[in-house]
Amino acid sequence: MNTLTPRMVLECILLLLPVGAFGKEAANIPEANVQNAVTYVDRGLAREKKGDLDGAMADFDQAIQLNPGYAAAYNSRGVVRKKKNDLDGAMADYNQAIKLNPKFDFPYNNRGNVRRKRGDLEGAMADYNRAIQINSKYPSPYKNRGYVKYIKGDVDGAMADYNQAIKLSPTYAFAYNDRGIVKEKKGDLEGAIADYTQAIKVNPKYAAAYRNRGDAKRKKGDLDGASADFSRAIKLGSPSADLAESPD
């Protein structure tokens, strides 16, 4: 499937980051170490995409050992630590990435996700706002901020953020799914089904989108369609929660 996912966008942008992301102290580090650290991060990202979190962690550790000022390596290691449910470790890595490069947008977004998971919605909102302030064309913090607004009851604000995320990244499956939930909340079942369908078109293995579309179809009285979607969600391993999913 040749679609550009948010994570793929992140990896591409890593290659275009300002010098600060590659090491605040890079001038004091041998050039070979700086370049090798970049290579380790590249391999770590590839391993992460394949699901090899331990291999990815080892590569990010090595990159940091070679270049302790490499902000992108801390950010990437933080993502892996969060996936491994090490929230304290993830937070420490995002804090270090921000300390090394205060204008690095990714760790603000990712730190916001950790804060949200811990229930610190105001802290999460502040981080998403900062990420957007640094880079207004970065879709993930709009999507994640929309999620926080939704669970805080600001349905219209959530809709505006999801619209912007989709405008910036038209193949953002998670944003379509989440916007569908907002539309369903507002009573627009047709619009919700359209968004869930688009999420599934982008990512045919997106279990939650099938589950949510099935629920919307059930509410419309399409029981056969609902049953088919629920069956597909069960086969894929769908979560049972109604709320939007918000991965990094």
C-alpha atoms as a PDB file:
ATOM      1  CA  MET A   1       0.000   0.000   0.000  1.00  0.00           C
ATOM      2  CA  ASN A   2       1.650   3.177  -1.172  1.00  0.00           C
ATOM      3  CA  THR A   3       0.149   5.650   1.284  1.00  0.00           C
ATOM      4  CA  LEU A   4       2.122   8.164   3.306  1.00  0.00           C
ATOM      5  CA  THR A   5       1.415   7.555   6.995  1.00  0.00           C
ATOM      6  CA  PRO A   6       2.172  10.126   9.711  1.00  0.00           C
ATOM      7  CA  ARG A   7       5.080   7.994  10.900  1.00  0.00           C
ATOM      8  CA  MET A   8       6.530   7.891   7.363  1.00  0.00           C
ATOM      9  CA  VAL A   9       6.209  11.657   7.203  1.00  0.00           C
ATOM     10  CA  LEU A  10       8.082  11.886  10.505  1.00  0.00           C
ATOM     11  CA  GLU A  11      10.913   9.751   9.196  1.00  0.00           C
ATOM     12  CA  CYS A  12      11.223  11.818   6.029  1.00  0.00           C
ATOM     13  CA  ILE A  13      11.284  15.051   7.991  1.00  0.00           C
ATOM     14  CA  LEU A  14      13.989  13.710  10.302  1.00  0.00           C
ATOM     15  CA  LEU A  15      16.299  13.848   7.321  1.00  0.00           C
ATOM     16  CA  LEU A  16      15.551  17.550   6.880  1.00  0.00           C
ATOM     17  CA  LEU A  17      15.822  18.696  10.477  1.00  0.00           C
ATOM     18  CA  PRO A  18      17.870  21.767  11.393  1.00  0.00           C
ATOM     19  CA  VAL A  19      21.383  21.224  12.688  1.00  0.00           C
ATOM     20  CA  GLY A  20      20.184  21.535  16.280  1.00  0.00           C
ATOM     21  CA  ALA A  21      18.273  18.278  16.016  1.00  0.00           C
ATOM     22  CA  PHE A  22      21.459  16.466  15.117  1.00  0.00           C
ATOM     23  CA  GLY A  23      23.389  17.667  18.134  1.00  0.00           C
ATOM     24  CA  LYS A  24      23.761  20.891  20.006  1.00  0.00           C
ATOM     25  CA  GLU A  25      27.353  19.917  20.726  1.00  0.00           C
ATOM     26  CA  ALA A  26      28.089  18.341  17.338  1.00  0.00           C
ATOM     27  CA  ALA A  27      30.924  20.784  16.712  1.00  0.00           C
ATOM     28  CA  ASN A  28      32.845  19.129  19.578  1.00  0.00           C
ATOM     29  CA  ILE A  29      32.242  15.577  18.351  1.00  0.00           C
ATOM     30  CA  PRO A  30      34.249  13.786  15.636  1.00  0.00           C
ATOM     31  CA  GLU A  31      32.507  13.982  12.264  1.00  0.00           C
ATOM     32  CA  ALA A  32      32.539  10.186  11.989  1.00  0.00           C
ATOM     33  CA  ASN A  33      30.593   9.917  15.241  1.00  0.00           C
ATOM     34  CA  VAL A  34      28.016  12.442  14.069  1.00  0.00           C
ATOM     35  CA  GLN A  35      27.464  10.618  10.780  1.00  0.00           C
ATOM     36  CA  ASN A  36      27.416   7.170  12.378  1.00  0.00           C
ATOM     37  CA  ALA A  37      24.856   8.358  14.904  1.00  0.00           C
ATOM     38  CA  VAL A  38      22.578   9.411  12.044  1.00  0.00           C
ATOM     39  CA  THR A  39      22.964   5.965  10.485  1.00  0.00           C
ATOM     40  CA  TYR A  40      22.077   4.238  13.754  1.00  0.00           C
ATOM     41  CA  VAL A  41      18.933   6.364  14.056  1.00  0.00           C
ATOM     42  CA  ASP A  42      17.976   5.534  10.465  1.00  0.00           C
ATOM     43  CA  ARG A  43      18.343   1.826  11.177  1.00  0.00           C
ATOM     44  CA  GLY A  44      16.491   2.206  14.445  1.00  0.00           C
ATOM     45  CA  LEU A  45      13.546   3.809  12.665  1.00  0.00           C
ATOM     46  CA  ALA A  46      13.481   0.955  10.162  1.00  0.00           C
ATOM     47  CA  ARG A  47      13.559  -1.607  12.965  1.00  0.00           C
ATOM     48  CA  GLU A  48      10.766   0.199  14.791  1.00  0.00           C
ATOM     49  CA  LYS A  49       8.549   0.092  11.691  1.00  0.00           C
ATOM     50  CA  LYS A  50       9.139  -3.668  11.497  1.00  0.00           C
ATOM     51  CA  GLY A  51       8.103  -4.035  15.135  1.00  0.00           C
ATOM     52  CA  ASP A  52      11.608  -4.772  16.451  1.00  0.00           C
ATOM     53  CA  LEU A  53      11.428  -2.412  19.422  1.00  0.00           C
ATOM     54  CA  ASP A  54      14.414  -3.901  21.246  1.00  0.00           C
ATOM     55  CA  GLY A  55      16.580  -3.582  18.134  1.00  0.00           C
ATOM     56  CA  ALA A  56      15.401  -0.026  17.622  1.00  0.00           C
ATOM     57  CA  MET A  57      16.174   0.822  21.246  1.00  0.00           C
ATOM     58  CA  ALA A  58      19.693  -0.561  20.911  1.00  0.00           C
ATOM     59  CA  ASP A  59      20.311   1.564  17.817  1.00  0.00           C
ATOM     60  CA  PHE A  60      19.013   4.742  19.453  1.00  0.00           C
ATOM     61  CA  ASP A  61      21.142   4.024  22.528  1.00  0.00           C
ATOM     62  CA  GLN A  62      24.209   3.672  20.300  1.00  0.00           C
ATOM     63  CA  ALA A  63      23.405   6.903  18.448  1.00  0.00           C
ATOM     64  CA  ILE A  64      23.195   8.777  21.756  1.00  0.00           C
ATOM     65  CA  GLN A  65      26.460   7.245  22.939  1.00  0.00           C
ATOM     66  CA  LEU A  66      28.170   8.454  19.765  1.00  0.00           C
ATOM     67  CA  ASN A  67      26.552  11.895  19.886  1.00  0.00           C
ATOM     68  CA  PRO A  68      25.041  12.805  23.290  1.00  0.00           C
ATOM     69  CA  GLY A  69      23.696  16.036  21.810  1.00  0.00           C
ATOM     70  CA  TYR A  70      21.588  14.307  19.137  1.00  0.00           C
ATOM     71  CA  ALA A  71      18.052  15.530  19.919  1.00  0.00           C
ATOM     72  CA  ALA A  72      16.359  13.392  17.254  1.00  0.00           C
ATOM     73  CA  ALA A  73      17.829  10.220  18.773  1.00  0.00           C
ATOM     74  CA  TYR A  74      16.308  11.039  22.167  1.00  0.00           C
ATOM     75  CA  ASN A  75      12.950  11.775  20.548  1.00  0.00           C
ATOM     76  CA  SER A  76      12.992   8.489  18.615  1.00  0.00           C
ATOM     77  CA  ARG A  77      14.017   6.520  21.690  1.00  0.00           C
ATOM     78  CA  GLY A  78      11.192   8.177  23.601  1.00  0.00           C
ATOM     79  CA  VAL A  79       8.690   6.908  21.029  1.00  0.00           C
ATOM     80  CA  VAL A  80       9.965   3.347  21.493  1.00  0.00           C
ATOM     81  CA  ARG A  81       9.913   3.673  25.266  1.00  0.00           C
ATOM     82  CA  LYS A  82       6.288   4.827  25.136  1.00  0.00           C
ATOM     83  CA  LYS A  83       5.399   1.840  22.960  1.00  0.00           C
ATOM     84  CA  LYS A  84       7.031  -0.357  25.606  1.00  0.00           C
ATOM     85  CA  ASN A  85       4.887   1.415  28.270  1.00  0.00           C
ATOM     86  CA  ASP A  86       7.921   3.057  29.874  1.00  0.00           C
ATOM     87  CA  LEU A  87       6.250   6.435  30.282  1.00  0.00           C
ATOM     88  CA  ASP A  88       8.849   7.801  32.689  1.00  0.00           C
ATOM     89  CA  GLY A  89      11.648   6.909  30.270  1.00  0.00           C
ATOM     90  CA  ALA A  90       9.754   8.380  27.335  1.00  0.00           C
ATOM     91  CA  MET A  91       9.128  11.618  29.222  1.00  0.00           C
ATOM     92  CA  ALA A  92      12.811  11.878  30.153  1.00  0.00           C
ATOM     93  CA  ASP A  93      13.853  11.426  26.516  1.00  0.00           C
ATOM     94  CA  TYR A  94      11.379  13.992  25.208  1.00  0.00           C
ATOM     95  CA  ASN A  95      12.494  16.462  27.877  1.00  0.00           C
ATOM     96  CA  GLN A  96      16.119  15.958  26.857  1.00  0.00           C
ATOM     97  CA  ALA A  97      15.326  16.388  23.154  1.00  0.00           C
ATOM     98  CA  ILE A  98      13.551  19.668  23.945  1.00  0.00           C
ATOM     99  CA  LYS A  99      16.395  20.812  26.184  1.00  0.00           C
ATOM    100  CA  LEU A 100      18.881  20.208  23.367  1.00  0.00           C
ATOM    101  CA  ASN A 101      16.693  21.870  20.744  1.00  0.00           C
ATOM    102  CA  PRO A 102      13.768  23.954  22.094  1.00  0.00           C
ATOM    103  CA  LYS A 103      12.499  24.505  18.531  1.00  0.00           C
ATOM    104  CA  PHE A 104      12.205  20.790  17.733  1.00  0.00           C
ATOM    105  CA  ASP A 105       8.468  20.204  17.174  1.00  0.00           C
ATOM    106  CA  PHE A 106       8.237  16.385  17.345  1.00  0.00           C
ATOM    107  CA  PRO A 107       9.144  15.895  21.031  1.00  0.00           C
ATOM    108  CA  TYR A 108       6.565  18.482  22.095  1.00  0.00           C
ATOM    109  CA  ASN A 109       3.852  16.526  20.293  1.00  0.00           C
ATOM    110  CA  ASN A 110       5.117  13.229  21.689  1.00  0.00           C
ATOM    111  CA  ARG A 111       5.501  14.563  25.217  1.00  0.00           C
ATOM    112  CA  GLY A 112       1.935  15.792  24.947  1.00  0.00           C
ATOM    113  CA  ASN A 113       0.856  12.217  24.216  1.00  0.00           C
ATOM    114  CA  VAL A 114       2.561  10.986  27.396  1.00  0.00           C
ATOM    115  CA  ARG A 115       0.978  13.748  29.431  1.00  0.00           C
ATOM    116  CA  ARG A 116      -2.425  12.940  27.944  1.00  0.00           C
ATOM    117  CA  LYS A 117      -1.985   9.254  28.772  1.00  0.00           C
ATOM    118  CA  ARG A 118      -1.196  10.241  32.358  1.00  0.00           C
ATOM    119  CA  GLY A 119      -4.357  12.357  32.532  1.00  0.00           C
ATOM    120  CA  ASP A 120      -2.580  15.731  32.377  1.00  0.00           C
ATOM    121  CA  LEU A 121      -4.831  17.213  29.705  1.00  0.00           C
ATOM    122  CA  GLU A 122      -3.747  20.811  30.259  1.00  0.00           C
ATOM    123  CA  GLY A 123      -0.086  19.865  29.996  1.00  0.00           C
ATOM    124  CA  ALA A 124      -0.817  17.878  26.849  1.00  0.00           C
ATOM    125  CA  MET A 125      -2.682  20.811  25.326  1.00  0.00           C
ATOM    126  CA  ALA A 126       0.240  23.133  26.074  1.00  0.00           C
ATOM    127  CA  ASP A 127       2.656  20.776  24.323  1.00  0.00           C
ATOM    128  CA  TYR A 128       0.451  20.387  21.248  1.00  0.00           C
ATOM    129  CA  ASN A 129       0.048  24.163  21.084  1.00  0.00           C
ATOM    130  CA  ARG A 130       3.819  24.596  21.238  1.00  0.00           C
ATOM    131  CA  ALA A 131       4.403  22.033  18.499  1.00  0.00           C
ATOM    132  CA  ILE A 132       1.901  23.851  16.267  1.00  0.00           C
ATOM    133  CA  GLN A 133       3.485  27.207  17.093  1.00  0.00           C
ATOM    134  CA  ILE A 134       6.863  25.875  15.960  1.00  0.00           C
ATOM    135  CA  ASN A 135       5.525  24.169  12.838  1.00  0.00           C
ATOM    136  CA  SER A 136       1.983  25.008  11.743  1.00  0.00           C
ATOM    137  CA  LYS A 137       2.181  22.432   8.934  1.00  0.00           C
ATOM    138  CA  TYR A 138       2.748  19.470  11.285  1.00  0.00           C
ATOM    139  CA  PRO A 139      -0.555  17.495  11.251  1.00  0.00           C
ATOM    140  CA  SER A 140      -0.099  15.230  14.297  1.00  0.00           C
ATOM    141  CA  PRO A 141      -0.448  17.869  17.047  1.00  0.00           C
ATOM    142  CA  TYR A 142      -3.679  19.135  15.452  1.00  0.00           C
ATOM    143  CA  LYS A 143      -5.056  15.612  15.500  1.00  0.00           C
ATOM    144  CA  ASN A 144      -3.882  14.981  19.058  1.00  0.00           C
ATOM    145  CA  ARG A 145      -5.119  18.359  20.275  1.00  0.00           C
ATOM    146  CA  GLY A 146      -8.461  17.537  18.685  1.00  0.00           C
ATOM    147  CA  TYR A 147      -8.615  14.384  20.773  1.00  0.00           C
ATOM    148  CA  VAL A 148      -8.003  16.332  23.989  1.00  0.00           C
ATOM    149  CA  LYS A 149     -10.647  18.887  23.029  1.00  0.00           C
ATOM    150  CA  TYR A 150     -13.085  16.064  22.328  1.00  0.00           C
ATOM    151  CA  ILE A 151     -12.645  14.398  25.703  1.00  0.00           C
ATOM    152  CA  LYS A 152     -12.890  17.835  27.370  1.00  0.00           C
ATOM    153  CA  GLY A 153     -16.265  18.330  25.659  1.00  0.00           C
ATOM    154  CA  ASP A 154     -15.187  20.903  23.049  1.00  0.00           C
ATOM    155  CA  VAL A 155     -16.695  19.080  20.081  1.00  0.00           C
ATOM    156  CA  ASP A 156     -16.523  22.024  17.674  1.00  0.00           C
ATOM    157  CA  GLY A 157     -12.899  22.701  18.580  1.00  0.00           C
ATOM    158  CA  ALA A 158     -12.080  19.051  18.023  1.00  0.00           C
ATOM    159  CA  MET A 159     -13.746  19.152  14.598  1.00  0.00           C
ATOM    160  CA  ALA A 160     -11.695  22.191  13.590  1.00  0.00           C
ATOM    161  CA  ASP A 161      -8.450  20.474  14.588  1.00  0.00           C
ATOM    162  CA  TYR A 162      -9.297  17.245  12.764  1.00  0.00           C
ATOM    163  CA  ASN A 163     -10.224  19.230   9.667  1.00  0.00           C
ATOM    164  CA  GLN A 164      -6.843  20.932   9.753  1.00  0.00           C
ATOM    165  CA  ALA A 165      -4.972  17.664  10.297  1.00  0.00           C
ATOM    166  CA  ILE A 166      -6.713  16.132   7.275  1.00  0.00           C
ATOM    167  CA  LYS A 167      -6.098  19.235   5.182  1.00  0.00           C
ATOM    168  CA  LEU A 168      -2.386  18.958   5.931  1.00  0.00           C
ATOM    169  CA  SER A 169      -2.291  15.151   5.506  1.00  0.00           C
ATOM    170  CA  PRO A 170      -5.137  13.834   3.300  1.00  0.00           C
ATOM    171  CA  THR A 171      -4.139  10.203   4.001  1.00  0.00           C
ATOM    172  CA  TYR A 172      -4.180  10.536   7.800  1.00  0.00           C
ATOM    173  CA  ALA A 173      -6.319   7.498   8.729  1.00  0.00           C
ATOM    174  CA  PHE A 174      -6.372   8.237  12.473  1.00  0.00           C
ATOM    175  CA  ALA A 175      -7.664  11.765  11.852  1.00  0.00           C
ATOM    176  CA  TYR A 176     -10.491  10.466   9.634  1.00  0.00           C
ATOM    177  CA  ASN A 177     -11.485   7.938  12.295  1.00  0.00           C
ATOM    178  CA  ASP A 178     -11.441  10.555  15.043  1.00  0.00           C
ATOM    179  CA  ARG A 179     -13.349  13.084  12.957  1.00  0.00           C
ATOM    180  CA  GLY A 180     -15.925  10.386  12.285  1.00  0.00           C
ATOM    181  CA  ILE A 181     -16.403   9.996  16.045  1.00  0.00           C
ATOM    182  CA  VAL A 182     -16.983  13.737  16.362  1.00  0.00           C
ATOM    183  CA  LYS A 183     -19.475  13.720  13.480  1.00  0.00           C
ATOM    184  CA  GLU A 184     -21.302  10.808  15.098  1.00  0.00           C
ATOM    185  CA  LYS A 185     -21.394  12.727  18.379  1.00  0.00           C
ATOM    186  CA  LYS A 186     -23.009  15.636  16.505  1.00  0.00           C
ATOM    187  CA  GLY A 187     -25.614  13.313  14.976  1.00  0.00           C
ATOM    188  CA  ASP A 188     -24.144  13.223  11.453  1.00  0.00           C
ATOM    189  CA  LEU A 189     -24.152   9.450  10.911  1.00  0.00           C
ATOM    190  CA  GLU A 190     -23.675   9.686   7.143  1.00  0.00           C
ATOM    191  CA  GLY A 191     -20.674  11.948   7.578  1.00  0.00           C
ATOM    192  CA  ALA A 192     -19.275   9.661  10.265  1.00  0.00           C
ATOM    193  CA  ILE A 193     -19.616   6.589   8.053  1.00  0.00           C
ATOM    194  CA  ALA A 194     -17.894   8.447   5.219  1.00  0.00           C
ATOM    195  CA  ASP A 195     -14.948   9.279   7.476  1.00  0.00           C
ATOM    196  CA  TYR A 196     -14.659   5.748   8.852  1.00  0.00           C
ATOM    197  CA  THR A 197     -14.784   4.444   5.296  1.00  0.00           C
ATOM    198  CA  GLN A 198     -11.979   6.796   4.282  1.00  0.00           C
ATOM    199  CA  ALA A 199      -9.901   5.682   7.268  1.00  0.00           C
ATOM    200  CA  ILE A 200     -10.380   2.067   6.157  1.00  0.00           C
ATOM    201  CA  LYS A 201      -9.513   2.954   2.561  1.00  0.00           C
ATOM    202  CA  VAL A 202      -6.217   4.429   3.728  1.00  0.00           C
ATOM    203  CA  ASN A 203      -5.553   1.580   6.182  1.00  0.00           C
ATOM    204  CA  PRO A 204      -7.562  -1.602   5.478  1.00  0.00           C
ATOM    205  CA  LYS A 205      -6.280  -3.132   8.728  1.00  0.00           C
ATOM    206  CA  TYR A 206      -7.560  -0.325  10.937  1.00  0.00           C
ATOM    207  CA  ALA A 207      -9.733  -2.340  13.327  1.00  0.00           C
ATOM    208  CA  ALA A 208     -11.176   0.586  15.302  1.00  0.00           C
ATOM    209  CA  ALA A 209     -12.487   2.216  12.120  1.00  0.00           C
ATOM    210  CA  TYR A 210     -14.414  -0.961  11.250  1.00  0.00           C
ATOM    211  CA  ARG A 211     -15.747  -1.117  14.776  1.00  0.00           C
ATOM    212  CA  ASN A 212     -16.839   2.515  14.721  1.00  0.00           C
ATOM    213  CA  ARG A 213     -18.376   2.235  11.253  1.00  0.00           C
ATOM    214  CA  GLY A 214     -20.273  -0.836  12.395  1.00  0.00           C
ATOM    215  CA  ASP A 215     -21.684   1.093  15.335  1.00  0.00           C
ATOM    216  CA  ALA A 216     -22.780   3.954  13.069  1.00  0.00           C
ATOM    217  CA  LYS A 217     -24.418   1.494  10.667  1.00  0.00           C
ATOM    218  CA  ARG A 218     -26.222  -0.165  13.573  1.00  0.00           C
ATOM    219  CA  LYS A 219     -27.606   3.199  14.642  1.00  0.00           C
ATOM    220  CA  LYS A 220     -28.872   3.735  11.076  1.00  0.00           C
ATOM    221  CA  GLY A 221     -30.580   0.353  11.079  1.00  0.00           C
ATOM    222  CA  ASP A 222     -28.157  -1.341   8.667  1.00  0.00           C
ATOM    223  CA  LEU A 223     -27.754  -4.450  10.798  1.00  0.00           C
ATOM    224  CA  ASP A 224     -26.196  -6.593   8.077  1.00  0.00           C
ATOM    225  CA  GLY A 225     -23.589  -3.922   7.337  1.00  0.00           C
ATOM    226  CA  ALA A 226     -22.966  -3.443  11.039  1.00  0.00           C
ATOM    227  CA  SER A 227     -22.501  -7.175  11.584  1.00  0.00           C
ATOM    228  CA  ALA A 228     -20.004  -7.388   8.737  1.00  0.00           C
ATOM    229  CA  ASP A 229     -17.959  -4.493  10.128  1.00  0.00           C
ATOM    230  CA  PHE A 230     -18.004  -5.864  13.667  1.00  0.00           C
ATOM    231  CA  SER A 231     -16.875  -9.252  12.361  1.00  0.00           C
ATOM    232  CA  ARG A 232     -14.004  -7.637  10.511  1.00  0.00           C
ATOM    233  CA  ALA A 233     -13.016  -5.639  13.598  1.00  0.00           C
ATOM    234  CA  ILE A 234     -13.035  -8.785  15.733  1.00  0.00           C
ATOM    235  CA  LYS A 235     -10.871 -10.602  13.199  1.00  0.00           C
ATOM    236  CA  LEU A 236      -8.367  -7.737  13.227  1.00  0.00           C
ATOM    237  CA  GLY A 237      -8.436  -7.409  17.006  1.00  0.00           C
ATOM    238  CA  SER A 238     -10.446  -4.249  17.616  1.00  0.00           C
ATOM    239  CA  PRO A 239     -10.393  -2.382  20.921  1.00  0.00           C
ATOM    240  CA  SER A 240     -13.832  -2.094  22.497  1.00  0.00           C
ATOM    241  CA  ALA A 241     -13.566   1.579  23.431  1.00  0.00           C
ATOM    242  CA  ASP A 242     -15.706   4.148  21.651  1.00  0.00           C
ATOM    243  CA  LEU A 243     -13.168   6.940  22.122  1.00  0.00           C
ATOM    244  CA  ALA A 244     -10.746   7.942  19.436  1.00  0.00           C
ATOM    245  CA  GLU A 245      -7.352   6.284  19.232  1.00  0.00           C
ATOM    246  CA  SER A 246      -4.399   8.651  19.445  1.00  0.00           C
ATOM    247  CA  PRO A 247      -1.064   6.976  18.814  1.00  0.00           C
ATOM    248  CA  ASP A 248       2.099   8.989  18.213  1.00  0.00           C
END
